[in-house]
């Protein structure tokens, strides 16, 4: 029997993403990747990954200019899993209050707000924002998600000043804490998943998320 082609993952190129490292991580797990801003390519893919670094408003403007907003909003209904990473996760929400108020993709109810860490009596001065570095993720009920096999409390690599605050607790996949404030570090709703951290920069545990994605997309 001929070998089945590896599942195709479309990585959205809208000028604000760390595309190369995401593509490398996908390829390492046997996925075929296309870095694209073409709507038709996104619709033909087995999965869409929406990465991102930078400002929410700029990102939504870029997606709108490229004609990709409606494509991304329809993808889960069309049976295409959508994975948001860092800013890409924030774009899944209804709106953001980063440098104003901006509408998001609206795939998960909730908002994006600035991290407001409390003063930590064990340190000198206030906790710095952005959070840059390793932080644990907690939740643990992950067998039916892309976090399957990840240990509760596993450290992942974060770079962010804003965090998502889902309206529904059922949409929260994992939580983390920074400066005494709990925030949502992973979300999941139907075919939509988001990670505030960077799996591709989070060592073997992070690569395990891409391994789970490859397994979920591979026909049995």
Protein backbone atom coordinates (compact mmCIF):
# COMPACT_ATOMS: atom_id res chain seq x y z
CA UNK A 1 0.00 0.00 0.00
CA UNK A 2 1.29 3.51 -0.77
CA UNK A 3 2.24 5.63 2.20
CA UNK A 4 -0.29 8.23 3.28
CA UNK A 5 0.79 11.82 2.82
CA UNK A 6 1.58 13.61 6.06
CA UNK A 7 -1.15 15.97 7.25
CA UNK A 8 -0.76 19.54 6.03
CA UNK A 9 -0.56 22.43 8.49
CA UNK A 10 -0.96 26.01 7.27
CA UNK A 11 0.94 28.57 9.35
CA UNK A 12 -0.64 31.99 8.94
CA UNK A 13 1.80 34.62 7.71
CA UNK A 14 0.44 38.08 8.49
CA UNK A 15 3.75 39.74 9.30
CA UNK A 16 3.65 39.31 13.09
CA UNK A 17 4.65 35.73 13.82
CA UNK A 18 7.67 33.63 14.72
CA UNK A 19 6.97 31.47 11.69
CA UNK A 20 10.26 29.64 11.24
CA UNK A 21 10.42 28.03 14.68
CA UNK A 22 6.76 26.94 14.48
CA UNK A 23 7.35 25.41 11.05
CA UNK A 24 10.46 23.61 12.33
CA UNK A 25 8.57 22.14 15.29
CA UNK A 26 5.74 20.92 13.03
CA UNK A 27 8.20 19.40 10.55
CA UNK A 28 10.08 17.65 13.35
CA UNK A 29 6.84 15.83 14.21
CA UNK A 30 6.30 14.74 10.59
CA UNK A 31 3.80 17.38 9.52
CA UNK A 32 3.88 19.09 6.14
CA UNK A 33 3.88 22.83 6.63
CA UNK A 34 2.97 25.78 4.44
CA UNK A 35 3.65 29.33 5.58
CA UNK A 36 0.99 31.33 3.81
CA UNK A 37 -1.30 34.34 3.73
CA UNK A 38 -3.45 32.81 0.98
CA UNK A 39 -7.06 32.16 2.02
CA UNK A 40 -7.47 29.19 -0.34
CA UNK A 41 -4.40 27.46 1.08
CA UNK A 42 -5.73 27.90 4.60
CA UNK A 43 -9.06 26.36 3.61
CA UNK A 44 -7.32 23.34 2.01
CA UNK A 45 -5.18 22.56 5.04
CA UNK A 46 -5.80 19.90 7.66
CA UNK A 47 -5.04 22.40 10.43
CA UNK A 48 -4.31 26.11 10.78
CA UNK A 49 -1.72 27.49 13.21
CA UNK A 50 -2.03 31.18 14.04
CA UNK A 51 1.20 32.38 15.69
CA UNK A 52 1.94 35.96 16.62
CA UNK A 53 4.04 38.49 18.45
CA UNK A 54 3.27 42.19 18.74
CA UNK A 55 0.15 44.30 19.24
CA UNK A 56 -3.41 42.97 19.00
CA UNK A 57 -4.77 45.89 16.96
CA UNK A 58 -1.97 45.67 14.40
CA UNK A 59 -2.55 41.93 14.07
CA UNK A 60 -6.29 42.26 13.45
CA UNK A 61 -5.65 45.03 10.92
CA UNK A 62 -3.19 42.81 9.06
CA UNK A 63 -5.58 39.84 9.04
CA UNK A 64 -8.38 42.09 7.77
CA UNK A 65 -6.19 43.61 5.06
CA UNK A 66 -5.26 40.11 3.85
CA UNK A 67 -8.89 38.96 3.82
CA UNK A 68 -8.27 36.25 6.41
CA UNK A 69 -10.63 37.18 9.25
CA UNK A 70 -13.69 35.37 7.87
CA UNK A 71 -11.57 32.37 6.81
CA UNK A 72 -10.22 31.93 10.33
CA UNK A 73 -13.66 32.42 11.88
CA UNK A 74 -15.17 29.73 9.62
CA UNK A 75 -12.34 27.22 9.91
CA UNK A 76 -13.63 25.34 13.01
CA UNK A 77 -17.14 25.12 11.50
CA UNK A 78 -15.55 23.76 8.31
CA UNK A 79 -13.85 21.01 10.32
CA UNK A 80 -10.38 22.59 10.33
CA UNK A 81 -8.70 22.72 13.76
CA UNK A 82 -7.29 26.15 14.62
CA UNK A 83 -4.36 26.56 17.03
CA UNK A 84 -3.37 30.01 18.32
CA UNK A 85 0.04 30.66 19.87
CA UNK A 86 0.91 33.67 22.06
CA UNK A 87 -0.69 36.69 20.34
CA UNK A 88 -2.44 34.16 18.10
CA UNK A 89 -4.24 32.79 21.17
CA UNK A 90 -5.31 36.29 22.18
CA UNK A 91 -6.74 36.92 18.70
CA UNK A 92 -9.19 34.05 19.27
CA UNK A 93 -11.03 36.12 21.87
CA UNK A 94 -13.87 38.62 21.40
CA UNK A 95 -11.87 41.78 22.11
CA UNK A 96 -8.68 43.23 23.54
CA UNK A 97 -7.93 46.31 25.61
CA UNK A 98 -4.34 46.62 24.42
CA UNK A 99 -3.72 50.29 23.47
CA UNK A 100 -7.45 50.84 22.99
CA UNK A 101 -10.35 48.45 22.40
CA UNK A 102 -10.15 46.12 19.39
CA UNK A 103 -12.45 43.37 18.20
CA UNK A 104 -10.92 39.91 17.84
CA UNK A 105 -11.98 36.79 15.95
CA UNK A 106 -14.67 36.07 18.54
CA UNK A 107 -14.20 32.31 18.53
CA UNK A 108 -13.99 32.13 22.33
CA UNK A 109 -16.00 34.49 24.56
CA UNK A 110 -13.83 36.71 26.71
CA UNK A 111 -11.34 39.54 26.68
CA UNK A 112 -7.62 40.24 26.57
CA UNK A 113 -6.33 42.36 29.46
CA UNK A 114 -2.94 43.61 30.62
CA UNK A 115 -1.16 41.51 33.21
CA UNK A 116 -1.42 43.27 36.58
CA UNK A 117 0.95 41.42 38.93
CA UNK A 118 0.81 42.24 42.59
CA UNK A 119 3.83 43.49 44.51
CA UNK A 120 5.78 40.51 45.81
CA UNK A 121 7.09 41.10 49.34
CA UNK A 122 9.94 38.70 48.64
CA UNK A 123 11.42 40.88 45.90
CA UNK A 124 12.68 44.43 45.56
CA UNK A 125 10.27 46.53 43.53
CA UNK A 126 7.31 45.54 41.43
CA UNK A 127 7.08 42.39 39.31
CA UNK A 128 8.10 43.23 35.75
CA UNK A 129 5.79 43.16 32.76
CA UNK A 130 6.18 41.61 30.23
CA UNK A 131 6.61 38.19 31.70
CA UNK A 132 9.62 36.68 29.95
CA UNK A 133 10.79 33.20 30.84
CA UNK A 134 9.66 29.86 32.20
CA UNK A 135 6.46 29.37 34.17
CA UNK A 136 4.44 26.31 35.10
CA UNK A 137 1.06 25.43 33.63
CA UNK A 138 -1.56 23.80 35.84
CA UNK A 139 -4.82 21.98 35.26
CA UNK A 140 -3.96 18.38 34.60
CA UNK A 141 -7.19 17.09 33.00
CA UNK A 142 -5.60 17.00 29.58
CA UNK A 143 -6.04 13.51 28.14
CA UNK A 144 -8.52 14.71 25.51
CA UNK A 145 -6.46 17.76 24.49
CA UNK A 146 -3.18 18.72 22.82
CA UNK A 147 -1.65 18.83 26.32
CA UNK A 148 -2.03 15.08 26.68
CA UNK A 149 1.04 13.65 28.42
CA UNK A 150 2.24 17.03 29.72
CA UNK A 151 2.89 16.96 33.45
CA UNK A 152 0.80 19.15 35.71
CA UNK A 153 3.00 22.12 36.60
CA UNK A 154 5.29 21.63 33.58
CA UNK A 155 7.34 24.79 32.88
CA UNK A 156 6.71 26.43 29.51
CA UNK A 157 8.30 29.50 27.92
CA UNK A 158 6.30 32.75 28.00
CA UNK A 159 6.80 36.20 26.49
CA UNK A 160 3.72 38.42 27.01
CA UNK A 161 2.31 41.54 28.62
CA UNK A 162 -1.38 40.67 28.12
CA UNK A 163 -3.42 37.59 28.96
CA UNK A 164 -6.82 36.18 28.04
CA UNK A 165 -9.75 36.12 30.44
CA UNK A 166 -12.37 33.70 29.06
CA UNK A 167 -16.00 34.25 30.01
CA UNK A 168 -16.54 30.52 30.47
CA UNK A 169 -14.39 28.53 32.86
CA UNK A 170 -15.08 25.45 30.72
CA UNK A 171 -12.91 27.01 28.00
CA UNK A 172 -9.86 27.21 30.31
CA UNK A 173 -7.46 24.35 29.59
CA UNK A 174 -4.58 25.47 31.83
CA UNK A 175 -3.75 28.25 34.25
CA UNK A 176 -0.50 29.86 35.37
CA UNK A 177 0.37 32.45 37.99
CA UNK A 178 2.58 35.52 37.68
CA UNK A 179 3.21 37.98 40.45
CA UNK A 180 0.40 36.53 42.52
CA UNK A 181 -2.16 36.78 39.70
CA UNK A 182 -3.71 33.70 38.08
CA UNK A 183 -4.23 33.85 34.33
CA UNK A 184 -5.37 31.48 31.61
CA UNK A 185 -2.35 30.00 29.83
CA UNK A 186 -4.21 27.59 27.51
CA UNK A 187 -7.73 27.45 26.14
CA UNK A 188 -9.76 24.88 24.26
CA UNK A 189 -13.23 24.95 22.77
CA UNK A 190 -14.24 22.42 20.14
CA UNK A 191 -11.73 22.59 17.30
CA UNK A 192 -10.13 25.77 18.70
CA UNK A 193 -7.06 25.60 20.97
CA UNK A 194 -4.75 28.34 22.18
CA UNK A 195 -1.48 28.54 24.09
CA UNK A 196 -0.20 31.74 25.67
CA UNK A 197 3.27 30.19 25.92
CA UNK A 198 5.45 29.14 22.99
CA UNK A 199 5.39 25.32 22.68
CA UNK A 200 8.14 25.44 20.03
CA UNK A 201 10.45 27.15 22.55
CA UNK A 202 9.49 25.00 25.53
CA UNK A 203 11.81 22.01 25.14
CA UNK A 204 10.67 18.38 24.91
CA UNK A 205 7.36 19.02 26.68
CA UNK A 206 6.49 21.75 24.21
CA UNK A 207 7.41 19.58 21.24
CA UNK A 208 5.10 16.97 22.71
CA UNK A 209 2.21 19.33 21.97
CA UNK A 210 3.15 19.28 18.27
CA UNK A 211 3.47 15.49 18.49
CA UNK A 212 -0.08 15.36 19.84
CA UNK A 213 -1.22 17.63 17.01
CA UNK A 214 0.34 15.31 14.44
CA UNK A 215 -1.33 12.30 16.05
CA UNK A 216 -4.72 14.05 16.11
CA UNK A 217 -4.45 14.92 12.42
CA UNK A 218 -3.20 11.54 11.19
CA UNK A 219 -6.00 9.19 10.01
CA UNK A 220 -6.08 5.89 11.87
